[in-house]
Amino acid sequence: MALPRLAVTAGEPAGIGPELIARLAATELAADLVAITDRDLLARAAARCGLSIILDDDDGAPREQREPGSLRVHHVPLGTTEIPGRPDPRNAHHVLATLAEAADGCLAGRYAAVVTAPLQKSSINEAGIRFSGHTEYFAERARADVVMMLASPGLRVALATTHLPLSAVPAAITRDALERALHIVHAELRTKFGIAAPRIAVLGLNPHAGEGGHLGREELDTTIPLLDALRAEGMQLLGPLPADTAFVPAQRTRYDAVLAMYHDQALPVLKSEAFDRTVNLTLGLPFIRTSVDHGTALDLAGTGRADPASLIAAAELALTLAARKREESEEA
């Protein structure tokens, strides 16, 4: 049987992404790994890690096995040679071209999933290209409504808003936005994770979930009426819960996932306990996308010491989700 083809993007050339891919290639992961990046960039990254890897051009042909230390490459040339730790805006178009190939390849069925290494958003913006992140880019490319989720072995956290200034969050927490997010999370917990009747905890926006309106009315005016309406449709929803107690062990037994209102409301909890095992995934896309849960680590780039655990976890989750998708397709 042919191995599932995983597209892997290297992200910021001056960051740790290329080195992480070299270390991923050295594992025994049962996947046909296709690195979408510059071939010479990968060779230099492998050398920095003290690894000898085999780089084959990707011809798209099925592959029944992969020897550790080998991967295929869809070559996308750099704009300029990387200097580890020093992002260069001249490579912005290279980075976006790798994402475009990954997304379009998934949509066309050339790849079973895409796994992304971290990129440097500021470098792309400094090139004069408005860019807010992988999640938003793939949503636009696929013309899909999406939700960002981070998942560890013991916790799944989805975000109602992603990369917004904190001052802009309250206005973005509308009934329509929350309803859309909850429908996506509910559907994807069923299809991607195989949870027949998902239980979702919804956090309040304000301290103490508004404390009956004394600390803000967003819960009374928006969240509670929506949750009541969705419960009437059959969804199992908890909340709105105060964020400061939602993650204690007794609460965790009551839900399968959490919907947080903004980026830093819940992610510090998850990352503090499982940073090396947490995976970022985009819900709502017509293809599978997973990613590391960390940034470019420019201070480590070029040293060969970056920990590949999160990228390996992302690739393993992508394989699990791809296998479930294939099984469902065969049963249909």
C-alpha atoms as a PDB file:
ATOM      1  CA  MET A   1       0.000   0.000   0.000  1.00  0.00           C
ATOM      2  CA  ALA A   2       1.272   3.461  -0.869  1.00  0.00           C
ATOM      3  CA  LEU A   3       2.353   5.662   1.992  1.00  0.00           C
ATOM      4  CA  PRO A   4       0.261   8.801   2.634  1.00  0.00           C
ATOM      5  CA  ARG A   5       1.949  11.826   1.111  1.00  0.00           C
ATOM      6  CA  LEU A   6       2.550  14.586   3.654  1.00  0.00           C
ATOM      7  CA  ALA A   7       3.471  18.017   2.339  1.00  0.00           C
ATOM      8  CA  VAL A   8       5.818  19.745   4.782  1.00  0.00           C
ATOM      9  CA  THR A   9       6.552  23.458   4.454  1.00  0.00           C
ATOM     10  CA  ALA A  10       9.747  24.859   5.967  1.00  0.00           C
ATOM     11  CA  GLY A  11       8.374  28.270   6.941  1.00  0.00           C
ATOM     12  CA  GLU A  12      10.907  31.020   7.609  1.00  0.00           C
ATOM     13  CA  PRO A  13      14.201  30.074   5.907  1.00  0.00           C
ATOM     14  CA  ALA A  14      16.252  31.829   8.611  1.00  0.00           C
ATOM     15  CA  GLY A  15      14.358  30.094  11.419  1.00  0.00           C
ATOM     16  CA  ILE A  16      14.480  26.566  12.787  1.00  0.00           C
ATOM     17  CA  GLY A  17      11.929  25.124  10.334  1.00  0.00           C
ATOM     18  CA  PRO A  18      14.441  23.676   7.830  1.00  0.00           C
ATOM     19  CA  GLU A  19      16.387  22.019  10.652  1.00  0.00           C
ATOM     20  CA  LEU A  20      13.197  20.557  12.111  1.00  0.00           C
ATOM     21  CA  ILE A  21      12.326  19.040   8.733  1.00  0.00           C
ATOM     22  CA  ALA A  22      15.771  17.479   8.510  1.00  0.00           C
ATOM     23  CA  ARG A  23      15.218  15.884  11.921  1.00  0.00           C
ATOM     24  CA  LEU A  24      11.700  14.773  10.934  1.00  0.00           C
ATOM     25  CA  ALA A  25      13.188  13.078   7.875  1.00  0.00           C
ATOM     26  CA  ALA A  26      15.565  11.153  10.145  1.00  0.00           C
ATOM     27  CA  THR A  27      12.661   9.479  11.972  1.00  0.00           C
ATOM     28  CA  GLU A  28      10.917   6.256  10.983  1.00  0.00           C
ATOM     29  CA  LEU A  29       7.615   8.032  10.361  1.00  0.00           C
ATOM     30  CA  ALA A  30       5.583   5.913   7.934  1.00  0.00           C
ATOM     31  CA  ALA A  31       4.836   8.706   5.492  1.00  0.00           C
ATOM     32  CA  ASP A  32       5.983   9.846   2.088  1.00  0.00           C
ATOM     33  CA  LEU A  33       7.413  13.181   3.208  1.00  0.00           C
ATOM     34  CA  VAL A  34       7.449  15.885   0.557  1.00  0.00           C
ATOM     35  CA  ALA A  35       9.323  19.000   1.663  1.00  0.00           C
ATOM     36  CA  ILE A  36       8.099  22.107  -0.140  1.00  0.00           C
ATOM     37  CA  THR A  37      11.072  24.442   0.047  1.00  0.00           C
ATOM     38  CA  ASP A  38      14.483  25.123  -1.444  1.00  0.00           C
ATOM     39  CA  ARG A  39      16.564  21.958  -1.890  1.00  0.00           C
ATOM     40  CA  ASP A  40      19.863  23.638  -0.963  1.00  0.00           C
ATOM     41  CA  LEU A  41      18.292  25.232   2.117  1.00  0.00           C
ATOM     42  CA  LEU A  42      17.412  21.750   3.378  1.00  0.00           C
ATOM     43  CA  ALA A  43      20.882  20.416   2.632  1.00  0.00           C
ATOM     44  CA  ARG A  44      22.477  23.250   4.611  1.00  0.00           C
ATOM     45  CA  ALA A  45      20.054  22.743   7.491  1.00  0.00           C
ATOM     46  CA  ALA A  46      20.794  19.017   7.622  1.00  0.00           C
ATOM     47  CA  ALA A  47      24.531  19.726   7.696  1.00  0.00           C
ATOM     48  CA  ARG A  48      24.048  22.101  10.649  1.00  0.00           C
ATOM     49  CA  CYS A  49      22.297  19.268  12.476  1.00  0.00           C
ATOM     50  CA  GLY A  50      25.054  16.815  11.629  1.00  0.00           C
ATOM     51  CA  LEU A  51      22.630  14.736   9.558  1.00  0.00           C
ATOM     52  CA  SER A  52      23.095  13.083   6.208  1.00  0.00           C
ATOM     53  CA  ILE A  53      19.774  13.059   4.365  1.00  0.00           C
ATOM     54  CA  ILE A  54      18.799  11.922   0.877  1.00  0.00           C
ATOM     55  CA  LEU A  55      16.848  14.543  -1.090  1.00  0.00           C
ATOM     56  CA  ASP A  56      14.914  13.180  -4.072  1.00  0.00           C
ATOM     57  CA  ASP A  57      12.936  15.263  -6.538  1.00  0.00           C
ATOM     58  CA  ASP A  58       9.223  14.701  -6.079  1.00  0.00           C
ATOM     59  CA  ASP A  59       7.778  13.049  -9.164  1.00  0.00           C
ATOM     60  CA  GLY A  60       4.404  12.399  -7.540  1.00  0.00           C
ATOM     61  CA  ALA A  61       4.681   8.631  -7.944  1.00  0.00           C
ATOM     62  CA  PRO A  62       3.349   6.446  -5.096  1.00  0.00           C
ATOM     63  CA  ARG A  63       5.930   5.279  -2.581  1.00  0.00           C
ATOM     64  CA  GLU A  64       5.435   2.142  -0.494  1.00  0.00           C
ATOM     65  CA  GLN A  65       8.244   2.779   1.959  1.00  0.00           C
ATOM     66  CA  ARG A  66      10.598   5.529   3.037  1.00  0.00           C
ATOM     67  CA  GLU A  67      14.017   4.950   4.475  1.00  0.00           C
ATOM     68  CA  PRO A  68      14.824   7.084   7.557  1.00  0.00           C
ATOM     69  CA  GLY A  69      16.933  10.005   6.445  1.00  0.00           C
ATOM     70  CA  SER A  70      15.188  10.450   3.114  1.00  0.00           C
ATOM     71  CA  LEU A  71      12.494  12.732   1.804  1.00  0.00           C
ATOM     72  CA  ARG A  72      11.270  14.112  -1.458  1.00  0.00           C
ATOM     73  CA  VAL A  73      11.518  17.781  -2.346  1.00  0.00           C
ATOM     74  CA  HIS A  74       9.224  20.044  -4.315  1.00  0.00           C
ATOM     75  CA  HIS A  75      11.824  22.692  -5.039  1.00  0.00           C
ATOM     76  CA  VAL A  76      10.818  26.333  -4.515  1.00  0.00           C
ATOM     77  CA  PRO A  77      13.906  28.546  -4.885  1.00  0.00           C
ATOM     78  CA  LEU A  78      14.847  31.086  -2.256  1.00  0.00           C
ATOM     79  CA  GLY A  79      14.901  34.766  -3.081  1.00  0.00           C
ATOM     80  CA  THR A  80      18.257  35.063  -1.347  1.00  0.00           C
ATOM     81  CA  THR A  81      20.464  32.691   0.651  1.00  0.00           C
ATOM     82  CA  GLU A  82      19.367  32.507   4.271  1.00  0.00           C
ATOM     83  CA  ILE A  83      21.377  33.736   7.222  1.00  0.00           C
ATOM     84  CA  PRO A  84      20.210  31.778  10.292  1.00  0.00           C
ATOM     85  CA  GLY A  85      18.569  34.029  12.837  1.00  0.00           C
ATOM     86  CA  ARG A  86      18.176  36.957  10.419  1.00  0.00           C
ATOM     87  CA  PRO A  87      14.920  36.860   8.404  1.00  0.00           C
ATOM     88  CA  ASP A  88      15.118  38.622   5.059  1.00  0.00           C
ATOM     89  CA  PRO A  89      11.991  40.118   3.431  1.00  0.00           C
ATOM     90  CA  ARG A  90      13.417  39.105   0.058  1.00  0.00           C
ATOM     91  CA  ASN A  91      12.366  35.553   0.925  1.00  0.00           C
ATOM     92  CA  ALA A  92       8.736  36.489   1.588  1.00  0.00           C
ATOM     93  CA  HIS A  93       7.567  35.454  -1.874  1.00  0.00           C
ATOM     94  CA  HIS A  94       9.379  32.130  -1.468  1.00  0.00           C
ATOM     95  CA  VAL A  95       7.520  31.441   1.788  1.00  0.00           C
ATOM     96  CA  LEU A  96       4.132  32.287   0.268  1.00  0.00           C
ATOM     97  CA  ALA A  97       4.863  30.169  -2.796  1.00  0.00           C
ATOM     98  CA  THR A  98       5.467  27.147  -0.557  1.00  0.00           C
ATOM     99  CA  LEU A  99       2.136  27.681   1.182  1.00  0.00           C
ATOM    100  CA  ALA A 100       0.336  28.072  -2.133  1.00  0.00           C
ATOM    101  CA  GLU A 101       1.767  24.798  -3.449  1.00  0.00           C
ATOM    102  CA  ALA A 102       0.853  22.987  -0.229  1.00  0.00           C
ATOM    103  CA  ALA A 103      -2.735  24.262  -0.193  1.00  0.00           C
ATOM    104  CA  ASP A 104      -3.336  23.790  -3.910  1.00  0.00           C
ATOM    105  CA  GLY A 105      -1.722  20.355  -3.792  1.00  0.00           C
ATOM    106  CA  CYS A 106      -4.018  19.262  -0.986  1.00  0.00           C
ATOM    107  CA  LEU A 107      -7.056  20.626  -2.798  1.00  0.00           C
ATOM    108  CA  ALA A 108      -6.026  18.729  -5.935  1.00  0.00           C
ATOM    109  CA  GLY A 109      -5.412  15.502  -4.016  1.00  0.00           C
ATOM    110  CA  ARG A 110      -1.630  15.414  -4.500  1.00  0.00           C
ATOM    111  CA  TYR A 111      -1.076  15.422  -0.734  1.00  0.00           C
ATOM    112  CA  ALA A 112      -3.016  13.731   2.069  1.00  0.00           C
ATOM    113  CA  ALA A 113      -2.254  16.620   4.436  1.00  0.00           C
ATOM    114  CA  VAL A 114       0.046  19.567   4.980  1.00  0.00           C
ATOM    115  CA  VAL A 115       2.303  20.042   7.996  1.00  0.00           C
ATOM    116  CA  THR A 116       3.743  23.516   8.485  1.00  0.00           C
ATOM    117  CA  ALA A 117       6.917  24.641  10.212  1.00  0.00           C
ATOM    118  CA  PRO A 118       6.882  28.149  11.768  1.00  0.00           C
ATOM    119  CA  LEU A 119       7.179  31.299   9.691  1.00  0.00           C
ATOM    120  CA  GLN A 120       8.016  34.911  10.505  1.00  0.00           C
ATOM    121  CA  LYS A 121       4.915  37.039   9.876  1.00  0.00           C
ATOM    122  CA  SER A 122       6.797  40.293  10.369  1.00  0.00           C
ATOM    123  CA  SER A 123       9.238  39.482   7.561  1.00  0.00           C
ATOM    124  CA  ILE A 124       6.391  38.955   5.103  1.00  0.00           C
ATOM    125  CA  ASN A 125       4.718  42.188   6.163  1.00  0.00           C
ATOM    126  CA  GLU A 126       8.028  44.039   5.832  1.00  0.00           C
ATOM    127  CA  ALA A 127       8.066  42.915   2.189  1.00  0.00           C
ATOM    128  CA  GLY A 128       4.885  44.932   1.688  1.00  0.00           C
ATOM    129  CA  ILE A 129       2.587  41.901   1.749  1.00  0.00           C
ATOM    130  CA  ARG A 130      -0.293  41.973   4.218  1.00  0.00           C
ATOM    131  CA  PHE A 131      -0.160  38.681   6.088  1.00  0.00           C
ATOM    132  CA  SER A 132      -1.589  37.634   9.458  1.00  0.00           C
ATOM    133  CA  GLY A 133      -0.745  33.933   9.650  1.00  0.00           C
ATOM    134  CA  HIS A 134      -0.985  30.416   8.268  1.00  0.00           C
ATOM    135  CA  THR A 135      -4.560  29.959   9.456  1.00  0.00           C
ATOM    136  CA  GLU A 136      -5.884  33.036   7.697  1.00  0.00           C
ATOM    137  CA  TYR A 137      -3.849  32.349   4.554  1.00  0.00           C
ATOM    138  CA  PHE A 138      -5.153  28.811   4.118  1.00  0.00           C
ATOM    139  CA  ALA A 139      -8.723  29.947   4.855  1.00  0.00           C
ATOM    140  CA  GLU A 140      -8.523  32.512   2.068  1.00  0.00           C
ATOM    141  CA  ARG A 141      -6.819  30.112  -0.327  1.00  0.00           C
ATOM    142  CA  ALA A 142      -9.473  27.444   0.221  1.00  0.00           C
ATOM    143  CA  ARG A 143     -12.333  29.963   0.561  1.00  0.00           C
ATOM    144  CA  ALA A 144     -13.351  28.359   3.837  1.00  0.00           C
ATOM    145  CA  ASP A 145     -14.525  29.465   7.265  1.00  0.00           C
ATOM    146  CA  VAL A 146     -11.993  28.146   9.736  1.00  0.00           C
ATOM    147  CA  VAL A 147     -11.196  27.913  13.431  1.00  0.00           C
ATOM    148  CA  MET A 148      -7.743  27.558  14.962  1.00  0.00           C
ATOM    149  CA  MET A 149      -7.361  24.700  17.425  1.00  0.00           C
ATOM    150  CA  LEU A 150      -4.373  23.605  19.478  1.00  0.00           C
ATOM    151  CA  ALA A 151      -4.439  20.037  20.718  1.00  0.00           C
ATOM    152  CA  SER A 152      -2.251  18.162  23.173  1.00  0.00           C
ATOM    153  CA  PRO A 153      -2.718  14.583  24.396  1.00  0.00           C
ATOM    154  CA  GLY A 154      -4.922  15.863  27.230  1.00  0.00           C
ATOM    155  CA  LEU A 155      -6.551  19.053  26.009  1.00  0.00           C
ATOM    156  CA  ARG A 156      -8.077  20.633  22.896  1.00  0.00           C
ATOM    157  CA  VAL A 157      -8.513  24.402  22.716  1.00  0.00           C
ATOM    158  CA  ALA A 158     -10.182  26.264  19.846  1.00  0.00           C
ATOM    159  CA  LEU A 159     -10.151  30.027  19.432  1.00  0.00           C
ATOM    160  CA  ALA A 160     -13.095  32.292  18.648  1.00  0.00           C
ATOM    161  CA  THR A 161     -10.608  34.984  17.559  1.00  0.00           C
ATOM    162  CA  THR A 162      -6.984  34.531  16.584  1.00  0.00           C
ATOM    163  CA  HIS A 163      -4.413  37.196  15.807  1.00  0.00           C
ATOM    164  CA  LEU A 164      -6.179  40.332  16.984  1.00  0.00           C
ATOM    165  CA  PRO A 165      -5.070  43.085  19.358  1.00  0.00           C
ATOM    166  CA  LEU A 166      -6.768  42.572  22.698  1.00  0.00           C
ATOM    167  CA  SER A 167      -8.587  45.887  22.271  1.00  0.00           C
ATOM    168  CA  ALA A 168     -10.292  44.534  19.134  1.00  0.00           C
ATOM    169  CA  VAL A 169     -11.520  41.279  20.663  1.00  0.00           C
ATOM    170  CA  PRO A 170     -14.830  42.373  22.275  1.00  0.00           C
ATOM    171  CA  ALA A 171     -16.180  43.790  19.020  1.00  0.00           C
ATOM    172  CA  ALA A 172     -15.244  40.562  17.216  1.00  0.00           C
ATOM    173  CA  ILE A 173     -17.211  38.387  19.663  1.00  0.00           C
ATOM    174  CA  THR A 174     -20.535  38.594  17.866  1.00  0.00           C
ATOM    175  CA  ARG A 175     -23.367  36.087  17.961  1.00  0.00           C
ATOM    176  CA  ASP A 176     -22.775  35.160  14.321  1.00  0.00           C
ATOM    177  CA  ALA A 177     -19.039  34.687  14.850  1.00  0.00           C
ATOM    178  CA  LEU A 178     -19.522  32.503  17.917  1.00  0.00           C
ATOM    179  CA  GLU A 179     -22.226  30.447  16.232  1.00  0.00           C
ATOM    180  CA  ARG A 180     -20.010  29.855  13.202  1.00  0.00           C
ATOM    181  CA  ALA A 181     -17.062  28.827  15.386  1.00  0.00           C
ATOM    182  CA  LEU A 182     -19.116  26.438  17.503  1.00  0.00           C
ATOM    183  CA  HIS A 183     -20.655  24.747  14.462  1.00  0.00           C
ATOM    184  CA  ILE A 184     -17.188  24.236  12.947  1.00  0.00           C
ATOM    185  CA  VAL A 185     -15.691  22.888  16.176  1.00  0.00           C
ATOM    186  CA  HIS A 186     -18.678  20.588  16.749  1.00  0.00           C
ATOM    187  CA  ALA A 187     -18.554  19.201  13.200  1.00  0.00           C
ATOM    188  CA  GLU A 188     -14.786  18.706  13.192  1.00  0.00           C
ATOM    189  CA  LEU A 189     -14.749  16.961  16.576  1.00  0.00           C
ATOM    190  CA  ARG A 190     -17.115  14.465  15.022  1.00  0.00           C
ATOM    191  CA  THR A 191     -15.384  13.993  11.669  1.00  0.00           C
ATOM    192  CA  LYS A 192     -11.707  14.477  12.505  1.00  0.00           C
ATOM    193  CA  PHE A 193     -11.627  13.088  16.036  1.00  0.00           C
ATOM    194  CA  GLY A 194     -14.458  10.572  15.830  1.00  0.00           C
ATOM    195  CA  ILE A 195     -16.389  11.964  18.817  1.00  0.00           C
ATOM    196  CA  ALA A 196     -20.039  11.133  18.154  1.00  0.00           C
ATOM    197  CA  ALA A 197     -21.543  13.622  20.624  1.00  0.00           C
ATOM    198  CA  PRO A 198     -18.954  16.328  21.349  1.00  0.00           C
ATOM    199  CA  ARG A 199     -19.047  18.254  24.609  1.00  0.00           C
ATOM    200  CA  ILE A 200     -17.714  21.796  24.220  1.00  0.00           C
ATOM    201  CA  ALA A 201     -16.891  24.182  27.051  1.00  0.00           C
ATOM    202  CA  VAL A 202     -17.251  27.865  26.140  1.00  0.00           C
ATOM    203  CA  LEU A 203     -15.247  30.415  28.103  1.00  0.00           C
ATOM    204  CA  GLY A 204     -16.588  33.787  29.105  1.00  0.00           C
ATOM    205  CA  LEU A 205     -14.938  36.873  27.686  1.00  0.00           C
ATOM    206  CA  ASN A 206     -14.851  38.724  31.002  1.00  0.00           C
ATOM    207  CA  PRO A 207     -13.401  37.770  34.415  1.00  0.00           C
ATOM    208  CA  HIS A 208     -15.774  35.424  36.260  1.00  0.00           C
ATOM    209  CA  ALA A 209     -17.717  35.138  32.961  1.00  0.00           C
ATOM    210  CA  GLY A 210     -19.075  38.630  33.570  1.00  0.00           C
ATOM    211  CA  GLU A 211     -20.332  37.920  37.099  1.00  0.00           C
ATOM    212  CA  GLY A 212     -23.986  38.421  36.189  1.00  0.00           C
ATOM    213  CA  GLY A 213     -23.274  41.623  34.262  1.00  0.00           C
ATOM    214  CA  HIS A 214     -21.223  43.340  36.971  1.00  0.00           C
ATOM    215  CA  LEU A 215     -17.984  42.737  35.054  1.00  0.00           C
ATOM    216  CA  GLY A 216     -19.302  43.123  31.509  1.00  0.00           C
ATOM    217  CA  ARG A 217     -22.467  42.304  29.609  1.00  0.00           C
ATOM    218  CA  GLU A 218     -21.057  40.284  26.692  1.00  0.00           C
ATOM    219  CA  GLU A 219     -22.045  37.000  28.339  1.00  0.00           C
ATOM    220  CA  LEU A 220     -25.603  38.143  29.108  1.00  0.00           C
ATOM    221  CA  ASP A 221     -26.200  39.848  25.782  1.00  0.00           C
ATOM    222  CA  THR A 222     -24.418  37.481  23.387  1.00  0.00           C
ATOM    223  CA  THR A 223     -22.967  34.238  24.719  1.00  0.00           C
ATOM    224  CA  ILE A 224     -25.742  32.903  26.970  1.00  0.00           C
ATOM    225  CA  PRO A 225     -28.618  33.434  24.481  1.00  0.00           C
ATOM    226  CA  LEU A 226     -26.590  31.744  21.743  1.00  0.00           C
ATOM    227  CA  LEU A 227     -25.625  28.756  23.891  1.00  0.00           C
ATOM    228  CA  ASP A 228     -29.257  28.297  24.906  1.00  0.00           C
ATOM    229  CA  ALA A 229     -30.319  28.323  21.255  1.00  0.00           C
ATOM    230  CA  LEU A 230     -27.652  25.808  20.229  1.00  0.00           C
ATOM    231  CA  ARG A 231     -28.486  23.537  23.162  1.00  0.00           C
ATOM    232  CA  ALA A 232     -32.055  23.496  21.863  1.00  0.00           C
ATOM    233  CA  GLU A 233     -30.616  22.190  18.582  1.00  0.00           C
ATOM    234  CA  GLY A 234     -28.940  19.317  20.423  1.00  0.00           C
ATOM    235  CA  MET A 235     -25.405  20.568  21.059  1.00  0.00           C
ATOM    236  CA  GLN A 236     -23.803  19.719  24.404  1.00  0.00           C
ATOM    237  CA  LEU A 237     -22.359  23.037  25.571  1.00  0.00           C
ATOM    238  CA  LEU A 238     -20.981  24.096  28.940  1.00  0.00           C
ATOM    239  CA  GLY A 239     -20.713  27.684  29.998  1.00  0.00           C
ATOM    240  CA  PRO A 240     -19.936  30.362  29.670  1.00  0.00           C
ATOM    241  CA  LEU A 241     -17.257  29.251  32.152  1.00  0.00           C
ATOM    242  CA  PRO A 242     -14.817  31.524  33.992  1.00  0.00           C
ATOM    243  CA  ALA A 243     -11.449  31.005  32.330  1.00  0.00           C
ATOM    244  CA  ASP A 244      -9.574  30.885  35.624  1.00  0.00           C
ATOM    245  CA  THR A 245     -11.273  27.650  36.753  1.00  0.00           C
ATOM    246  CA  ALA A 246     -12.188  26.026  33.416  1.00  0.00           C
ATOM    247  CA  PHE A 247      -8.978  24.000  33.250  1.00  0.00           C
ATOM    248  CA  VAL A 248      -8.904  22.451  36.714  1.00  0.00           C
ATOM    249  CA  PRO A 249      -8.953  18.627  36.625  1.00  0.00           C
ATOM    250  CA  ALA A 250     -12.561  18.303  37.780  1.00  0.00           C
ATOM    251  CA  GLN A 251     -13.766  20.502  34.936  1.00  0.00           C
ATOM    252  CA  ARG A 252     -11.744  18.734  32.249  1.00  0.00           C
ATOM    253  CA  THR A 253     -13.700  15.513  32.696  1.00  0.00           C
ATOM    254  CA  ARG A 254     -16.828  17.379  31.552  1.00  0.00           C
ATOM    255  CA  TYR A 255     -15.756  18.385  28.042  1.00  0.00           C
ATOM    256  CA  ASP A 256     -13.950  17.228  24.898  1.00  0.00           C
ATOM    257  CA  ALA A 257     -12.771  20.678  23.793  1.00  0.00           C
ATOM    258  CA  VAL A 258     -12.768  24.301  24.882  1.00  0.00           C
ATOM    259  CA  LEU A 259     -13.697  27.371  22.857  1.00  0.00           C
ATOM    260  CA  ALA A 260     -11.686  30.333  24.172  1.00  0.00           C
ATOM    261  CA  MET A 261     -12.517  33.886  23.269  1.00  0.00           C
ATOM    262  CA  TYR A 262      -9.016  35.068  22.388  1.00  0.00           C
ATOM    263  CA  HIS A 263      -5.502  33.836  21.724  1.00  0.00           C
ATOM    264  CA  ASP A 264      -3.870  34.247  25.121  1.00  0.00           C
ATOM    265  CA  GLN A 265      -6.908  33.322  27.209  1.00  0.00           C
ATOM    266  CA  ALA A 266      -6.297  29.577  27.074  1.00  0.00           C
ATOM    267  CA  LEU A 267      -3.148  28.818  25.116  1.00  0.00           C
ATOM    268  CA  PRO A 268      -0.748  29.553  27.998  1.00  0.00           C
ATOM    269  CA  VAL A 269      -2.427  26.759  29.973  1.00  0.00           C
ATOM    270  CA  LEU A 270      -2.009  24.269  27.187  1.00  0.00           C
ATOM    271  CA  LYS A 271       1.545  25.235  26.243  1.00  0.00           C
ATOM    272  CA  SER A 272       2.788  25.343  29.815  1.00  0.00           C
ATOM    273  CA  GLU A 273       1.899  21.703  30.377  1.00  0.00           C
ATOM    274  CA  ALA A 274       2.536  20.128  26.958  1.00  0.00           C
ATOM    275  CA  PHE A 275       4.629  22.491  24.855  1.00  0.00           C
ATOM    276  CA  ASP A 276       6.541  19.731  23.088  1.00  0.00           C
ATOM    277  CA  ARG A 277       3.421  17.649  22.399  1.00  0.00           C
ATOM    278  CA  THR A 278       0.976  20.329  21.304  1.00  0.00           C
ATOM    279  CA  VAL A 279      -0.170  20.617  17.699  1.00  0.00           C
ATOM    280  CA  ASN A 280      -1.835  23.510  15.929  1.00  0.00           C
ATOM    281  CA  LEU A 281      -4.520  22.465  13.452  1.00  0.00           C
ATOM    282  CA  THR A 282      -6.939  24.404  11.295  1.00  0.00           C
ATOM    283  CA  LEU A 283     -10.561  23.267  11.548  1.00  0.00           C
ATOM    284  CA  GLY A 284     -12.976  23.902   8.686  1.00  0.00           C
ATOM    285  CA  LEU A 285     -10.560  23.500   5.782  1.00  0.00           C
ATOM    286  CA  PRO A 286     -11.385  20.988   3.031  1.00  0.00           C
ATOM    287  CA  PHE A 287      -7.977  19.431   3.726  1.00  0.00           C
ATOM    288  CA  ILE A 288      -5.912  18.473   6.783  1.00  0.00           C
ATOM    289  CA  ARG A 289      -3.439  21.042   8.076  1.00  0.00           C
ATOM    290  CA  THR A 290      -1.363  20.642  11.225  1.00  0.00           C
ATOM    291  CA  SER A 291       1.542  22.674  12.539  1.00  0.00           C
ATOM    292  CA  VAL A 292       3.986  23.179  15.365  1.00  0.00           C
ATOM    293  CA  ASP A 293       2.768  25.179  18.352  1.00  0.00           C
ATOM    294  CA  HIS A 294       5.819  27.454  18.502  1.00  0.00           C
ATOM    295  CA  GLY A 295       7.592  30.188  16.585  1.00  0.00           C
ATOM    296  CA  THR A 296      10.736  30.461  14.508  1.00  0.00           C
ATOM    297  CA  ALA A 297      13.148  30.453  17.502  1.00  0.00           C
ATOM    298  CA  LEU A 298      15.603  32.719  15.724  1.00  0.00           C
ATOM    299  CA  ASP A 299      18.012  32.487  18.657  1.00  0.00           C
ATOM    300  CA  LEU A 300      18.350  28.727  18.034  1.00  0.00           C
ATOM    301  CA  ALA A 301      18.412  28.849  14.224  1.00  0.00           C
ATOM    302  CA  GLY A 302      21.664  27.546  12.800  1.00  0.00           C
ATOM    303  CA  THR A 303      22.735  25.775  15.996  1.00  0.00           C
ATOM    304  CA  GLY A 304      21.208  22.391  15.162  1.00  0.00           C
ATOM    305  CA  ARG A 305      19.796  22.189  18.696  1.00  0.00           C
ATOM    306  CA  ALA A 306      16.105  22.927  18.044  1.00  0.00           C
ATOM    307  CA  ASP A 307      13.738  20.280  19.438  1.00  0.00           C
ATOM    308  CA  PRO A 308      11.670  18.636  16.656  1.00  0.00           C
ATOM    309  CA  ALA A 309       9.091  17.132  19.058  1.00  0.00           C
ATOM    310  CA  SER A 310       6.217  19.452  18.102  1.00  0.00           C
ATOM    311  CA  LEU A 311       6.794  18.979  14.356  1.00  0.00           C
ATOM    312  CA  ILE A 312       6.935  15.223  14.826  1.00  0.00           C
ATOM    313  CA  ALA A 313       3.690  15.372  16.848  1.00  0.00           C
ATOM    314  CA  ALA A 314       2.105  17.479  14.090  1.00  0.00           C
ATOM    315  CA  ALA A 315       3.106  14.948  11.437  1.00  0.00           C
ATOM    316  CA  GLU A 316       1.822  12.045  13.532  1.00  0.00           C
ATOM    317  CA  LEU A 317      -1.535  13.770  14.070  1.00  0.00           C
ATOM    318  CA  ALA A 318      -1.774  14.552  10.348  1.00  0.00           C
ATOM    319  CA  LEU A 319      -1.260  10.857   9.595  1.00  0.00           C
ATOM    320  CA  THR A 320      -3.915   9.847  12.131  1.00  0.00           C
ATOM    321  CA  LEU A 321      -6.439  12.297  10.692  1.00  0.00           C
ATOM    322  CA  ALA A 322      -5.606  11.282   7.123  1.00  0.00           C
ATOM    323  CA  ALA A 323      -6.111   7.611   7.981  1.00  0.00           C
ATOM    324  CA  ARG A 324      -9.515   8.338   9.531  1.00  0.00           C
ATOM    325  CA  LYS A 325     -10.514  10.380   6.477  1.00  0.00           C
ATOM    326  CA  ARG A 326      -9.444   7.558   4.155  1.00  0.00           C
ATOM    327  CA  GLU A 327     -11.376   4.960   6.171  1.00  0.00           C
ATOM    328  CA  GLU A 328     -14.530   7.072   6.101  1.00  0.00           C
ATOM    329  CA  SER A 329     -14.151   7.552   2.364  1.00  0.00           C
ATOM    330  CA  GLU A 330     -13.807   3.788   1.822  1.00  0.00           C
ATOM    331  CA  GLU A 331     -16.882   3.096   3.954  1.00  0.00           C
ATOM    332  CA  ALA A 332     -19.038   5.709   2.174  1.00  0.00           C
END
